[in-house]
PDB file of N, CA and C in Angstrom:
ATOM      1  N   UNK A   1     105.767 -67.009 -37.086  1.00  0.00           N
ATOM      2  CA  UNK A   1     105.582 -68.415 -36.799  1.00  0.00           C
ATOM      3  C   UNK A   1     106.570 -68.839 -35.715  1.00  0.00           C
ATOM      4  N   UNK A   2     106.134 -69.749 -34.927  1.00  0.00           N
ATOM      5  CA  UNK A   2     107.008 -70.258 -33.880  1.00  0.00           C
ATOM      6  C   UNK A   2     107.882 -71.379 -34.434  1.00  0.00           C
ATOM      7  N   UNK A   3     108.849 -71.772 -33.667  1.00  0.00           N
ATOM      8  CA  UNK A   3     109.746 -72.849 -34.074  1.00  0.00           C
ATOM      9  C   UNK A   3     108.976 -74.147 -34.277  1.00  0.00           C
ATOM     10  N   UNK A   4     107.987 -74.408 -33.420  1.00  0.00           N
ATOM     11  CA  UNK A   4     107.169 -75.623 -33.552  1.00  0.00           C
ATOM     12  C   UNK A   4     106.393 -75.625 -34.861  1.00  0.00           C
ATOM     13  N   UNK A   5     105.824 -74.468 -35.224  1.00  0.00           N
ATOM     14  CA  UNK A   5     105.087 -74.364 -36.483  1.00  0.00           C
ATOM     15  C   UNK A   5     106.009 -74.608 -37.672  1.00  0.00           C
ATOM     16  N   UNK A   6     107.220 -74.044 -37.611  1.00  0.00           N
ATOM     17  CA  UNK A   6     108.187 -74.245 -38.685  1.00  0.00           C
ATOM     18  C   UNK A   6     108.574 -75.722 -38.809  1.00  0.00           C
ATOM     19  N   UNK A   7     108.827 -76.354 -37.692  1.00  0.00           N
ATOM     20  CA  UNK A   7     109.208 -77.772 -37.720  1.00  0.00           C
ATOM     21  C   UNK A   7     108.064 -78.640 -38.236  1.00  0.00           C
ATOM     22  N   UNK A   8     106.848 -78.306 -37.873  1.00  0.00           N
ATOM     23  CA  UNK A   8     105.686 -79.057 -38.351  1.00  0.00           C
ATOM     24  C   UNK A   8     105.550 -78.914 -39.867  1.00  0.00           C
ATOM     25  N   UNK A   9     105.748 -77.705 -40.368  1.00  0.00           N
ATOM     26  CA  UNK A   9     105.661 -77.472 -41.807  1.00  0.00           C
ATOM     27  C   UNK A   9     106.765 -78.214 -42.549  1.00  0.00           C
ATOM     28  N   UNK A  10     107.971 -78.210 -42.001  1.00  0.00           N
ATOM     29  CA  UNK A  10     109.083 -78.935 -42.623  1.00  0.00           C
ATOM     30  C   UNK A  10     108.798 -80.430 -42.643  1.00  0.00           C
ATOM     31  N   UNK A  11     108.294 -80.972 -41.542  1.00  0.00           N
ATOM     32  CA  UNK A  11     107.999 -82.410 -41.480  1.00  0.00           C
ATOM     33  C   UNK A  11     106.911 -82.773 -42.486  1.00  0.00           C
ATOM     34  N   UNK A  12     105.870 -81.927 -42.608  1.00  0.00           N
ATOM     35  CA  UNK A  12     104.788 -82.177 -43.555  1.00  0.00           C
ATOM     36  C   UNK A  12     105.315 -82.181 -44.992  1.00  0.00           C
ATOM     37  N   UNK A  13     106.158 -81.190 -45.315  1.00  0.00           N
ATOM     38  CA  UNK A  13     106.731 -81.126 -46.659  1.00  0.00           C
ATOM     39  C   UNK A  13     107.656 -82.301 -46.935  1.00  0.00           C
ATOM     40  N   UNK A  14     108.409 -82.707 -45.936  1.00  0.00           N
ATOM     41  CA  UNK A  14     109.303 -83.858 -46.094  1.00  0.00           C
ATOM     42  C   UNK A  14     108.511 -85.143 -46.296  1.00  0.00           C
ATOM     43  N   UNK A  15     107.427 -85.308 -45.572  1.00  0.00           N
ATOM     44  CA  UNK A  15     106.575 -86.484 -45.753  1.00  0.00           C
ATOM     45  C   UNK A  15     105.962 -86.509 -47.148  1.00  0.00           C
ATOM     46  N   UNK A  16     105.519 -85.348 -47.629  1.00  0.00           N
ATOM     47  CA  UNK A  16     104.946 -85.277 -48.972  1.00  0.00           C
ATOM     48  C   UNK A  16     106.009 -85.599 -50.023  1.00  0.00           C
ATOM     49  N   UNK A  17     107.206 -85.091 -49.849  1.00  0.00           N
ATOM     50  CA  UNK A  17     108.295 -85.385 -50.772  1.00  0.00           C
ATOM     51  C   UNK A  17     108.615 -86.874 -50.773  1.00  0.00           C
ATOM     52  N   UNK A  18     108.631 -87.487 -49.611  1.00  0.00           N
ATOM     53  CA  UNK A  18     108.899 -88.922 -49.508  1.00  0.00           C
ATOM     54  C   UNK A  18     107.842 -89.720 -50.256  1.00  0.00           C
ATOM     55  N   UNK A  19     106.569 -89.352 -50.091  1.00  0.00           N
ATOM     56  CA  UNK A  19     105.489 -90.051 -50.801  1.00  0.00           C
ATOM     57  C   UNK A  19     105.643 -89.919 -52.313  1.00  0.00           C
ATOM     58  N   UNK A  20     105.998 -88.725 -52.779  1.00  0.00           N
ATOM     59  CA  UNK A  20     106.144 -88.508 -54.219  1.00  0.00           C
ATOM     60  C   UNK A  20     107.333 -89.277 -54.785  1.00  0.00           C
ATOM     61  N   UNK A  21     108.433 -89.334 -54.045  1.00  0.00           N
ATOM     62  CA  UNK A  21     109.595 -90.100 -54.495  1.00  0.00           C
ATOM     63  C   UNK A  21     109.251 -91.584 -54.561  1.00  0.00           C
ATOM     64  N   UNK A  22     108.534 -92.092 -53.576  1.00  0.00           N
ATOM     65  CA  UNK A  22     108.122 -93.504 -53.595  1.00  0.00           C
ATOM     66  C   UNK A  22     107.227 -93.789 -54.793  1.00  0.00           C
ATOM     67  N   UNK A  23     106.309 -92.872 -55.095  1.00  0.00           N
ATOM     68  CA  UNK A  23     105.422 -93.050 -56.248  1.00  0.00           C
ATOM     69  C   UNK A  23     106.226 -93.058 -57.550  1.00  0.00           C
ATOM     70  N   UNK A  24     107.218 -92.167 -57.671  1.00  0.00           N
ATOM     71  CA  UNK A  24     108.070 -92.145 -58.859  1.00  0.00           C
ATOM     72  C   UNK A  24     108.875 -93.434 -58.990  1.00  0.00           C
ATOM     73  N   UNK A  25     109.371 -93.945 -57.873  1.00  0.00           N
ATOM     74  CA  UNK A  25     110.116 -95.214 -57.910  1.00  0.00           C
ATOM     75  C   UNK A  25     109.222 -96.349 -58.382  1.00  0.00           C
ATOM     76  N   UNK A  26     107.967 -96.380 -57.927  1.00  0.00           N
ATOM     77  CA  UNK A  26     107.034 -97.411 -58.363  1.00  0.00           C
ATOM     78  C   UNK A  26     106.747 -97.293 -59.852  1.00  0.00           C
ATOM     79  N   UNK A  27     106.559 -96.057 -60.339  1.00  0.00           N
ATOM     80  CA  UNK A  27     106.292 -95.851 -61.762  1.00  0.00           C
ATOM     81  C   UNK A  27     107.493 -96.253 -62.605  1.00  0.00           C
ATOM     82  N   UNK A  28     108.703 -95.951 -62.130  1.00  0.00           N
ATOM     83  CA  UNK A  28     109.906 -96.321 -62.868  1.00  0.00           C
ATOM     84  C   UNK A  28     110.060 -97.834 -62.905  1.00  0.00           C
ATOM     85  N   UNK A  29     109.765 -98.503 -61.805  1.00  0.00           N
ATOM     86  CA  UNK A  29     109.860 -99.962 -61.779  1.00  0.00           C
ATOM     87  C   UNK A  29     108.839-100.578 -62.721  1.00  0.00           C
ATOM     88  N   UNK A  30     107.638-100.031 -62.772  1.00  0.00           N
ATOM     89  CA  UNK A  30     106.613-100.540 -63.685  1.00  0.00           C
ATOM     90  C   UNK A  30     107.017-100.313 -65.133  1.00  0.00           C
ATOM     91  N   UNK A  31     107.648 -99.174 -65.413  1.00  0.00           N
ATOM     92  CA  UNK A  31     108.074 -98.885 -66.782  1.00  0.00           C
ATOM     93  C   UNK A  31     109.190 -99.829 -67.216  1.00  0.00           C
ATOM     94  N   UNK A  32     110.057-100.216 -66.282  1.00  0.00           N
ATOM     95  CA  UNK A  32     111.134-101.153 -66.621  1.00  0.00           C
ATOM     96  C   UNK A  32     110.592-102.546 -66.903  1.00  0.00           C
ATOM     97  N   UNK A  33     109.486-102.904 -66.279  1.00  0.00           N
ATOM     98  CA  UNK A  33     108.911-104.240 -66.481  1.00  0.00           C
ATOM     99  C   UNK A  33     108.206-104.353 -67.821  1.00  0.00           C
ATOM    100  N   UNK A  34     107.727-103.224 -68.364  1.00  0.00           N
ATOM    101  CA  UNK A  34     107.012-103.270 -69.638  1.00  0.00           C
ATOM    102  C   UNK A  34     108.024-103.389 -70.768  1.00  0.00           C
ATOM    103  N   UNK A  35     107.741-104.247 -71.748  1.00  0.00           N
ATOM    104  CA  UNK A  35     108.677-104.377 -72.870  1.00  0.00           C
ATOM    105  C   UNK A  35     108.645-103.127 -73.743  1.00  0.00           C
ATOM    106  N   UNK A  36     109.811-102.741 -74.215  1.00  0.00           N
ATOM    107  CA  UNK A  36     109.895-101.576 -75.102  1.00  0.00           C
ATOM    108  C   UNK A  36     109.378-101.962 -76.475  1.00  0.00           C
ATOM    109  N   UNK A  37     108.790-100.999 -77.158  1.00  0.00           N
ATOM    110  CA  UNK A  37     108.292-101.290 -78.497  1.00  0.00           C
ATOM    111  C   UNK A  37     109.481-101.585 -79.407  1.00  0.00           C
ATOM    112  N   UNK A  38     109.262-102.450 -80.374  1.00  0.00           N
ATOM    113  CA  UNK A  38     110.344-102.914 -81.233  1.00  0.00           C
ATOM    114  C   UNK A  38     110.927-101.783 -82.073  1.00  0.00           C
ATOM    115  N   UNK A  39     110.091-100.995 -82.700  1.00  0.00           N
ATOM    116  CA  UNK A  39     110.580 -99.919 -83.565  1.00  0.00           C
ATOM    117  C   UNK A  39     109.560 -98.791 -83.579  1.00  0.00           C
ATOM    118  N   UNK A  40     110.011 -97.579 -83.844  1.00  0.00           N
ATOM    119  CA  UNK A  40     109.053 -96.475 -83.927  1.00  0.00           C
ATOM    120  C   UNK A  40     108.127 -96.652 -85.124  1.00  0.00           C
ATOM    121  N   UNK A  41     106.964 -96.062 -85.015  1.00  0.00           N
ATOM    122  CA  UNK A  41     105.968 -96.145 -86.074  1.00  0.00           C
ATOM    123  C   UNK A  41     106.435 -95.297 -87.258  1.00  0.00           C
ATOM    124  N   UNK A  42     106.855 -95.962 -88.322  1.00  0.00           N
ATOM    125  CA  UNK A  42     107.411 -95.267 -89.477  1.00  0.00           C
ATOM    126  C   UNK A  42     106.371 -94.421 -90.202  1.00  0.00           C
ATOM    127  N   UNK A  43     105.091 -94.747 -90.077  1.00  0.00           N
ATOM    128  CA  UNK A  43     104.059 -93.999 -90.791  1.00  0.00           C
ATOM    129  C   UNK A  43     103.897 -92.580 -90.241  1.00  0.00           C
ATOM    130  N   UNK A  44     104.335 -92.340 -89.015  1.00  0.00           N
ATOM    131  CA  UNK A  44     104.193 -91.014 -88.407  1.00  0.00           C
ATOM    132  C   UNK A  44     105.449 -90.169 -88.564  1.00  0.00           C
ATOM    133  N   UNK A  45     106.519 -90.762 -89.088  1.00  0.00           N
ATOM    134  CA  UNK A  45     107.779 -90.034 -89.236  1.00  0.00           C
ATOM    135  C   UNK A  45     107.799 -89.281 -90.557  1.00  0.00           C
ATOM    136  N   UNK A  46     108.332 -88.064 -90.524  1.00  0.00           N
ATOM    137  CA  UNK A  46     108.424 -87.229 -91.715  1.00  0.00           C
ATOM    138  C   UNK A  46     109.904 -87.028 -92.020  1.00  0.00           C
ATOM    139  N   UNK A  47     110.352 -87.425 -93.186  1.00  0.00           N
ATOM    140  CA  UNK A  47     111.773 -87.243 -93.499  1.00  0.00           C
ATOM    141  C   UNK A  47     112.091 -85.766 -93.742  1.00  0.00           C
ATOM    142  N   UNK A  48     113.233 -85.339 -93.247  1.00  0.00           N
ATOM    143  CA  UNK A  48     113.686 -83.968 -93.449  1.00  0.00           C
ATOM    144  C   UNK A  48     115.012 -84.054 -94.202  1.00  0.00           C
ATOM    145  N   UNK A  49     115.080 -83.473 -95.401  1.00  0.00           N
ATOM    146  CA  UNK A  49     116.299 -83.600 -96.195  1.00  0.00           C
ATOM    147  C   UNK A  49     117.446 -82.783 -95.589  1.00  0.00           C
ATOM    148  N   UNK A  50     118.676 -83.237 -95.848  1.00  0.00           N
ATOM    149  CA  UNK A  50     119.860 -82.513 -95.386  1.00  0.00           C
ATOM    150  C   UNK A  50     120.274 -81.417 -96.353  1.00  0.00           C
ATOM    151  N   UNK A  51     119.730 -81.438 -97.545  1.00  0.00           N
ATOM    152  CA  UNK A  51     120.105 -80.434 -98.541  1.00  0.00           C
ATOM    153  C   UNK A  51     119.477 -79.088 -98.184  1.00  0.00           C
ATOM    154  N   UNK A  52     120.148 -77.995 -98.528  1.00  0.00           N
ATOM    155  CA  UNK A  52     119.587 -76.667 -98.214  1.00  0.00           C
ATOM    156  C   UNK A  52     118.313 -76.419 -99.013  1.00  0.00           C
ATOM    157  N   UNK A  53     117.426 -75.614 -98.443  1.00  0.00           N
ATOM    158  CA  UNK A  53     116.203 -75.235 -99.142  1.00  0.00           C
ATOM    159  C   UNK A  53     116.530 -74.283-100.291  1.00  0.00           C
ATOM    160  N   UNK A  54     115.681 -74.271-101.267  1.00  0.00           N
ATOM    161  CA  UNK A  54     115.818 -73.349-102.392  1.00  0.00           C
ATOM    162  C   UNK A  54     115.558 -71.934-101.874  1.00  0.00           C
ATOM    163  N   UNK A  55     116.469 -71.009-102.129  1.00  0.00           N
ATOM    164  CA  UNK A  55     116.328 -69.643-101.617  1.00  0.00           C
ATOM    165  C   UNK A  55     115.129 -68.924-102.227  1.00  0.00           C
ATOM    166  N   UNK A  56     114.615 -69.413-103.347  1.00  0.00           N
ATOM    167  CA  UNK A  56     113.436 -68.796-103.960  1.00  0.00           C
ATOM    168  C   UNK A  56     112.202 -68.940-103.067  1.00  0.00           C
ATOM    169  N   UNK A  57     112.237 -69.877-102.140  1.00  0.00           N
ATOM    170  CA  UNK A  57     111.110 -70.043-101.218  1.00  0.00           C
ATOM    171  C   UNK A  57     110.938 -68.825-100.314  1.00  0.00           C
ATOM    172  N   UNK A  58     112.011 -68.079-100.089  1.00  0.00           N
ATOM    173  CA  UNK A  58     111.982 -67.002 -99.111  1.00  0.00           C
ATOM    174  C   UNK A  58     111.977 -65.618 -99.747  1.00  0.00           C
ATOM    175  N   UNK A  59     111.833 -65.508-101.047  1.00  0.00           N
ATOM    176  CA  UNK A  59     111.963 -64.201-101.697  1.00  0.00           C
ATOM    177  C   UNK A  59     110.906 -63.193-101.263  1.00  0.00           C
ATOM    178  N   UNK A  60     109.685 -63.597-101.032  1.00  0.00           N
ATOM    179  CA  UNK A  60     108.647 -62.634-100.669  1.00  0.00           C
ATOM    180  C   UNK A  60     108.240 -62.729 -99.198  1.00  0.00           C
ATOM    181  N   UNK A  61     109.078 -63.326 -98.375  1.00  0.00           N
ATOM    182  CA  UNK A  61     108.726 -63.483 -96.959  1.00  0.00           C
ATOM    183  C   UNK A  61     109.228 -62.286 -96.153  1.00  0.00           C
ATOM    184  N   UNK A  62     108.566 -62.029 -95.052  1.00  0.00           N
ATOM    185  CA  UNK A  62     108.973 -60.976 -94.125  1.00  0.00           C
ATOM    186  C   UNK A  62     109.820 -61.588 -93.026  1.00  0.00           C
ATOM    187  N   UNK A  63     110.743 -60.804 -92.491  1.00  0.00           N
ATOM    188  CA  UNK A  63     111.507 -61.264 -91.344  1.00  0.00           C
ATOM    189  C   UNK A  63     110.609 -61.195 -90.121  1.00  0.00           C
ATOM    190  N   UNK A  64     110.467 -62.305 -89.429  1.00  0.00           N
ATOM    191  CA  UNK A  64     109.570 -62.332 -88.267  1.00  0.00           C
ATOM    192  C   UNK A  64     110.025 -61.323 -87.227  1.00  0.00           C
ATOM    193  N   UNK A  65     109.095 -60.528 -86.775  1.00  0.00           N
ATOM    194  CA  UNK A  65     109.375 -59.556 -85.733  1.00  0.00           C
ATOM    195  C   UNK A  65     109.996 -58.268 -86.249  1.00  0.00           C
ATOM    196  N   UNK A  66     110.495 -58.283 -87.480  1.00  0.00           N
ATOM    197  CA  UNK A  66     111.132 -57.086 -88.024  1.00  0.00           C
ATOM    198  C   UNK A  66     110.262 -56.390 -89.052  1.00  0.00           C
ATOM    199  N   UNK A  67     109.270 -57.070 -89.563  1.00  0.00           N
ATOM    200  CA  UNK A  67     108.376 -56.470 -90.553  1.00  0.00           C
ATOM    201  C   UNK A  67     108.916 -56.643 -91.951  1.00  0.00           C
ATOM    202  N   UNK A  68     108.265 -56.017 -92.886  1.00  0.00           N
ATOM    203  CA  UNK A  68     108.649 -56.125 -94.287  1.00  0.00           C
ATOM    204  C   UNK A  68     109.938 -55.363 -94.539  1.00  0.00           C
ATOM    205  N   UNK A  69     110.677 -55.788 -95.546  1.00  0.00           N
ATOM    206  CA  UNK A  69     111.975 -55.170 -95.850  1.00  0.00           C
ATOM    207  C   UNK A  69     111.823 -53.738 -96.362  1.00  0.00           C
ATOM    208  N   UNK A  70     110.728 -53.465 -97.088  1.00  0.00           N
ATOM    209  CA  UNK A  70     110.588 -52.160 -97.708  1.00  0.00           C
ATOM    210  C   UNK A  70     109.787 -51.155 -96.868  1.00  0.00           C
ATOM    211  N   UNK A  71     109.437 -51.519 -95.631  1.00  0.00           N
ATOM    212  CA  UNK A  71     108.683 -50.605 -94.762  1.00  0.00           C
ATOM    213  C   UNK A  71     109.447 -50.352 -93.480  1.00  0.00           C
ATOM    214  N   UNK A  72     109.187 -49.210 -92.870  1.00  0.00           N
ATOM    215  CA  UNK A  72     109.805 -48.864 -91.591  1.00  0.00           C
ATOM    216  C   UNK A  72     108.860 -49.192 -90.448  1.00  0.00           C
ATOM    217  N   UNK A  73     109.410 -49.478 -89.310  1.00  0.00           N
ATOM    218  CA  UNK A  73     108.609 -49.712 -88.117  1.00  0.00           C
ATOM    219  C   UNK A  73     108.007 -48.388 -87.653  1.00  0.00           C
ATOM    220  N   UNK A  74     106.848 -48.412 -87.044  1.00  0.00           N
ATOM    221  CA  UNK A  74     106.228 -47.158 -86.577  1.00  0.00           C
ATOM    222  C   UNK A  74     107.041 -46.480 -85.498  1.00  0.00           C
TER     223      UNK A  74
END
């Protein structure tokens, strides 16, 4: 490629970047104008307890990727 071709490609990419940045600025300004919702929808939230799980839940499970405890990998 010649120097002119390189400069043309750089200018084209810079113009495209400028357009995308302007579009992002417009979207950010529109998002700031919209009021934020008062509170998250509690019906969609699932509580996760801080207490440890009962170890009996895992007694017959396999280790992912390692296979069963009593078998060897091929």
